[in-house]
């Protein structure tokens, strides 16, 4: 099973993908979607949708984990962040992927054992966990990866390959078994 983790943002959106390798997660990739060079908010939302759609098509995740927005004092910033998250969710839903949301504290707790951990502490734990030799400069990438790892550790069951949600789910998990 492949899990896509997303750290929503309006200037930089982080993402990470992991694969279930037995009882431990295996790093597939992580990165950021840079949006700060795009002037108009609606153009940024369009870029988010198309880039998340492209990532889904390339890596074929089966579930999506998102960091839920936290409550802030600036209502306009929260509105923009909510729109960015909604567009990322819409891209996932267009592929019929289930979405799971986690509070920032829950993600930090799952990775470091401390819900008040800093971004640097989360990145350090992920670097150690996956033996990452070339850490990204931008911590939004590790935040996206952290959302995926949080989901891995918090979902009740990991698919064994025999439990399918639908015929479409079976076909996606068994492309070599389908003949035209």
Protein backbone atom coordinates (compact mmCIF):
# COMPACT_ATOMS: atom_id res chain seq x y z
CA UNK A 1 0.00 0.00 0.00
CA UNK A 2 1.26 3.48 -0.88
CA UNK A 3 0.24 6.50 1.24
CA UNK A 4 0.48 10.10 0.05
CA UNK A 5 0.98 12.62 2.84
CA UNK A 6 0.29 16.31 2.23
CA UNK A 7 1.19 19.39 4.26
CA UNK A 8 -1.13 22.04 2.78
CA UNK A 9 0.23 25.50 2.13
CA UNK A 10 -0.44 28.51 -0.05
CA UNK A 11 3.19 29.40 -0.77
CA UNK A 12 4.78 25.96 -0.38
CA UNK A 13 2.92 22.64 -0.16
CA UNK A 14 4.86 19.64 1.08
CA UNK A 15 4.23 16.03 0.12
CA UNK A 16 5.70 12.64 0.90
CA UNK A 17 4.95 9.10 -0.20
CA UNK A 18 5.63 5.92 1.72
CA UNK A 19 5.01 2.29 0.95
CA UNK A 20 4.10 -0.42 3.39
CA UNK A 21 7.05 -2.81 3.52
CA UNK A 22 5.94 -5.48 5.96
CA UNK A 23 5.32 -3.81 9.29
CA UNK A 24 7.54 -0.81 8.55
CA UNK A 25 7.10 2.11 6.16
CA UNK A 26 9.51 2.56 3.26
CA UNK A 27 10.25 6.00 1.80
CA UNK A 28 9.18 6.39 -1.83
CA UNK A 29 9.75 10.14 -2.35
CA UNK A 30 9.10 13.58 -0.90
CA UNK A 31 9.13 17.10 -2.19
CA UNK A 32 7.40 20.46 -2.35
CA UNK A 33 5.10 22.29 -4.70
CA UNK A 34 6.41 25.85 -4.89
CA UNK A 35 3.64 28.40 -5.25
CA UNK A 36 5.22 31.67 -4.12
CA UNK A 37 6.13 32.70 -7.69
CA UNK A 38 2.47 32.52 -8.75
CA UNK A 39 0.81 35.89 -8.19
CA UNK A 40 -2.89 35.09 -8.11
CA UNK A 41 -4.45 32.89 -5.45
CA UNK A 42 -6.74 31.09 -7.90
CA UNK A 43 -3.78 30.26 -10.14
CA UNK A 44 -2.05 28.77 -7.09
CA UNK A 45 -5.10 26.61 -6.41
CA UNK A 46 -5.09 25.44 -10.01
CA UNK A 47 -1.39 24.52 -9.71
CA UNK A 48 -2.07 22.57 -6.50
CA UNK A 49 -4.85 20.56 -8.13
CA UNK A 50 -2.85 19.68 -11.23
CA UNK A 51 0.38 18.84 -9.36
CA UNK A 52 -1.40 16.62 -6.80
CA UNK A 53 -3.25 14.94 -9.68
CA UNK A 54 0.10 14.35 -11.42
CA UNK A 55 1.67 12.87 -8.26
CA UNK A 56 -1.32 10.53 -7.83
CA UNK A 57 -1.10 9.38 -11.45
CA UNK A 58 2.65 8.77 -11.15
CA UNK A 59 2.82 6.96 -7.80
CA UNK A 60 -0.70 5.47 -7.53
CA UNK A 61 -1.24 5.93 -3.79
CA UNK A 62 -4.16 4.12 -2.21
CA UNK A 63 -4.75 6.53 0.66
CA UNK A 64 -4.11 10.21 1.37
CA UNK A 65 -3.20 11.72 4.73
CA UNK A 66 -3.50 15.48 5.20
CA UNK A 67 -2.40 17.76 7.96
CA UNK A 68 -5.58 19.47 9.14
CA UNK A 69 -5.45 23.25 9.41
CA UNK A 70 -4.99 24.56 12.92
CA UNK A 71 -6.86 27.56 14.26
CA UNK A 72 -5.02 30.82 13.71
CA UNK A 73 -5.63 34.45 14.47
CA UNK A 74 -5.60 35.60 10.85
CA UNK A 75 -8.93 34.67 9.28
CA UNK A 76 -7.80 35.47 5.73
CA UNK A 77 -4.77 33.18 6.05
CA UNK A 78 -6.96 30.38 7.39
CA UNK A 79 -9.40 30.83 4.53
CA UNK A 80 -6.60 30.59 1.94
CA UNK A 81 -5.07 27.57 3.68
CA UNK A 82 -8.47 25.87 3.79
CA UNK A 83 -8.91 26.46 0.09
CA UNK A 84 -5.49 24.93 -0.63
CA UNK A 85 -6.35 21.90 1.48
CA UNK A 86 -9.74 21.59 -0.22
CA UNK A 87 -8.18 21.65 -3.68
CA UNK A 88 -5.67 18.95 -2.67
CA UNK A 89 -8.57 16.90 -1.29
CA UNK A 90 -10.53 17.42 -4.50
CA UNK A 91 -7.60 16.09 -6.57
CA UNK A 92 -7.50 12.97 -4.37
CA UNK A 93 -11.27 12.54 -4.49
CA UNK A 94 -11.20 12.75 -8.30
CA UNK A 95 -9.25 9.46 -8.09
CA UNK A 96 -11.66 8.00 -5.49
CA UNK A 97 -8.93 7.92 -2.86
CA UNK A 98 -9.88 7.86 0.81
CA UNK A 99 -8.66 10.89 2.77
CA UNK A 100 -7.60 10.99 6.41
CA UNK A 101 -6.91 14.19 8.34
CA UNK A 102 -4.57 14.53 11.30
CA UNK A 103 -4.01 17.48 13.61
CA UNK A 104 -0.47 18.88 13.64
CA UNK A 105 -0.01 17.74 17.28
CA UNK A 106 -1.09 14.18 16.38
CA UNK A 107 1.44 14.05 13.54
CA UNK A 108 4.28 15.32 15.74
CA UNK A 109 3.27 12.89 18.50
CA UNK A 110 3.29 9.95 16.06
CA UNK A 111 6.76 10.77 14.76
CA UNK A 112 8.64 12.07 17.81
CA UNK A 113 6.52 11.05 20.79
CA UNK A 114 6.05 14.76 21.58
CA UNK A 115 3.06 16.72 20.26
CA UNK A 116 4.97 19.97 20.80
CA UNK A 117 8.03 18.94 18.76
CA UNK A 118 9.56 21.42 16.35
CA UNK A 119 9.66 20.95 12.57
CA UNK A 120 13.40 20.31 12.94
CA UNK A 121 12.82 17.53 15.48
CA UNK A 122 10.24 15.87 13.18
CA UNK A 123 12.64 16.14 10.23
CA UNK A 124 15.46 14.67 12.33
CA UNK A 125 13.38 11.67 13.36
CA UNK A 126 12.33 11.03 9.75
CA UNK A 127 15.95 11.38 8.60
CA UNK A 128 16.95 8.71 11.11
CA UNK A 129 13.92 6.47 10.46
CA UNK A 130 14.47 6.32 6.69
CA UNK A 131 18.28 6.79 6.67
CA UNK A 132 17.88 9.84 4.45
CA UNK A 133 21.29 11.08 3.30
CA UNK A 134 20.14 14.11 1.31
CA UNK A 135 17.56 15.96 3.40
CA UNK A 136 15.48 18.62 1.62
CA UNK A 137 16.21 22.22 2.54
CA UNK A 138 12.53 22.97 2.95
CA UNK A 139 10.87 21.33 5.96
CA UNK A 140 7.45 21.36 4.26
CA UNK A 141 8.59 18.23 2.41
CA UNK A 142 9.30 16.42 5.68
CA UNK A 143 5.98 17.68 7.07
CA UNK A 144 4.18 16.03 4.14
CA UNK A 145 6.16 12.84 4.73
CA UNK A 146 5.29 13.03 8.44
CA UNK A 147 1.56 13.09 7.62
CA UNK A 148 1.96 9.86 5.61
CA UNK A 149 3.96 8.17 8.39
CA UNK A 150 1.42 9.31 10.99
CA UNK A 151 -1.34 7.66 9.00
CA UNK A 152 0.71 4.50 8.60
CA UNK A 153 1.09 4.20 12.37
CA UNK A 154 -2.47 5.24 13.20
CA UNK A 155 -4.61 3.35 10.70
CA UNK A 156 -6.30 0.36 12.31
CA UNK A 157 -5.39 -2.22 9.69
CA UNK A 158 -2.85 -2.40 6.94
CA UNK A 159 -4.16 -4.13 3.83
CA UNK A 160 -2.85 -7.66 3.43
CA UNK A 161 -3.78 -7.76 -0.22
CA UNK A 162 -6.95 -9.79 0.29
CA UNK A 163 -9.36 -7.10 1.48
CA UNK A 164 -10.66 -4.89 -1.31
CA UNK A 165 -13.09 -2.00 -0.99
CA UNK A 166 -14.43 -2.34 -4.53
CA UNK A 167 -13.82 -3.96 -7.89
CA UNK A 168 -11.93 -0.79 -8.91
CA UNK A 169 -9.76 -1.18 -5.79
CA UNK A 170 -9.00 -4.82 -6.77
CA UNK A 171 -8.01 -3.78 -10.30
CA UNK A 172 -5.76 -0.99 -9.01
CA UNK A 173 -3.98 -3.39 -6.62
CA UNK A 174 -3.68 -6.20 -9.18
CA UNK A 175 -2.94 -4.66 -12.60
CA UNK A 176 -1.15 -7.81 -13.85
CA UNK A 177 -4.19 -10.00 -13.24
CA UNK A 178 -6.53 -8.03 -15.52
CA UNK A 179 -6.64 -9.15 -19.15
CA UNK A 180 -8.41 -7.33 -21.99
